[in-house]
Amino acid sequence: MEMVDGRSMVISLMACALTASGVARLLSPPNQTPPPVFDIKR
């Protein structure tokens, strides 16, 4: 943030990063599997 001068440039960079993150989340498969459920009957 300190490397760019001007609030409009910071806002546009943050909006671009948020958009890219959302697109990547939609296109890529989840990389974490849900934890296994252990059915312990006593």
C-alpha atoms as a PDB file:
ATOM      1  CA  MET A   1       0.000   0.000   0.000  1.00  0.00           C
ATOM      2  CA  GLU A   2       2.833   2.371   0.751  1.00  0.00           C
ATOM      3  CA  MET A   3       4.367   1.855  -2.688  1.00  0.00           C
ATOM      4  CA  VAL A   4       1.513   3.483  -4.610  1.00  0.00           C
ATOM      5  CA  ASP A   5       0.573   7.124  -4.358  1.00  0.00           C
ATOM      6  CA  GLY A   6      -3.121   7.823  -4.360  1.00  0.00           C
ATOM      7  CA  ARG A   7      -6.173   6.304  -2.813  1.00  0.00           C
ATOM      8  CA  SER A   8      -7.826   5.498  -6.156  1.00  0.00           C
ATOM      9  CA  MET A   9      -4.935   3.246  -7.180  1.00  0.00           C
ATOM     10  CA  VAL A  10      -5.113   1.361  -3.868  1.00  0.00           C
ATOM     11  CA  ILE A  11      -8.874   0.888  -4.176  1.00  0.00           C
ATOM     12  CA  SER A  12      -8.603  -0.382  -7.755  1.00  0.00           C
ATOM     13  CA  LEU A  13      -5.811  -2.804  -6.831  1.00  0.00           C
ATOM     14  CA  MET A  14      -7.838  -4.142  -3.905  1.00  0.00           C
ATOM     15  CA  ALA A  15     -10.920  -4.546  -6.110  1.00  0.00           C
ATOM     16  CA  CYS A  16      -8.859  -6.403  -8.705  1.00  0.00           C
ATOM     17  CA  ALA A  17      -7.417  -8.726  -6.057  1.00  0.00           C
ATOM     18  CA  LEU A  18     -10.882  -9.420  -4.637  1.00  0.00           C
ATOM     19  CA  THR A  19     -12.266 -10.191  -8.097  1.00  0.00           C
ATOM     20  CA  ALA A  20      -9.355 -12.490  -8.924  1.00  0.00           C
ATOM     21  CA  SER A  21      -9.784 -14.298  -5.619  1.00  0.00           C
ATOM     22  CA  GLY A  22     -13.472 -14.868  -6.295  1.00  0.00           C
ATOM     23  CA  VAL A  23     -12.861 -16.154  -9.827  1.00  0.00           C
ATOM     24  CA  ALA A  24     -10.128 -18.495  -8.622  1.00  0.00           C
ATOM     25  CA  ARG A  25     -12.414 -19.799  -5.875  1.00  0.00           C
ATOM     26  CA  LEU A  26     -15.137 -20.531  -8.440  1.00  0.00           C
ATOM     27  CA  LEU A  27     -12.852 -22.261 -10.943  1.00  0.00           C
ATOM     28  CA  SER A  28     -10.609 -24.346  -8.724  1.00  0.00           C
ATOM     29  CA  PRO A  29     -11.682 -27.442  -6.830  1.00  0.00           C
ATOM     30  CA  PRO A  30     -11.510 -27.316  -3.047  1.00  0.00           C
ATOM     31  CA  ASN A  31      -8.098 -28.390  -1.811  1.00  0.00           C
ATOM     32  CA  GLN A  32      -9.261 -29.441   1.631  1.00  0.00           C
ATOM     33  CA  THR A  33     -11.379 -32.445   2.367  1.00  0.00           C
ATOM     34  CA  PRO A  34     -13.818 -32.431   5.256  1.00  0.00           C
ATOM     35  CA  PRO A  35     -12.609 -34.199   8.388  1.00  0.00           C
ATOM     36  CA  PRO A  36     -13.674 -37.826   8.733  1.00  0.00           C
ATOM     37  CA  VAL A  37     -16.586 -38.601  11.007  1.00  0.00           C
ATOM     38  CA  PHE A  38     -15.921 -41.432  13.395  1.00  0.00           C
ATOM     39  CA  ASP A  39     -18.963 -43.294  14.618  1.00  0.00           C
ATOM     40  CA  ILE A  40     -17.998 -44.717  17.967  1.00  0.00           C
ATOM     41  CA  LYS A  41     -20.724 -46.767  19.591  1.00  0.00           C
ATOM     42  CA  ARG A  42     -20.319 -47.769  23.199  1.00  0.00           C
END
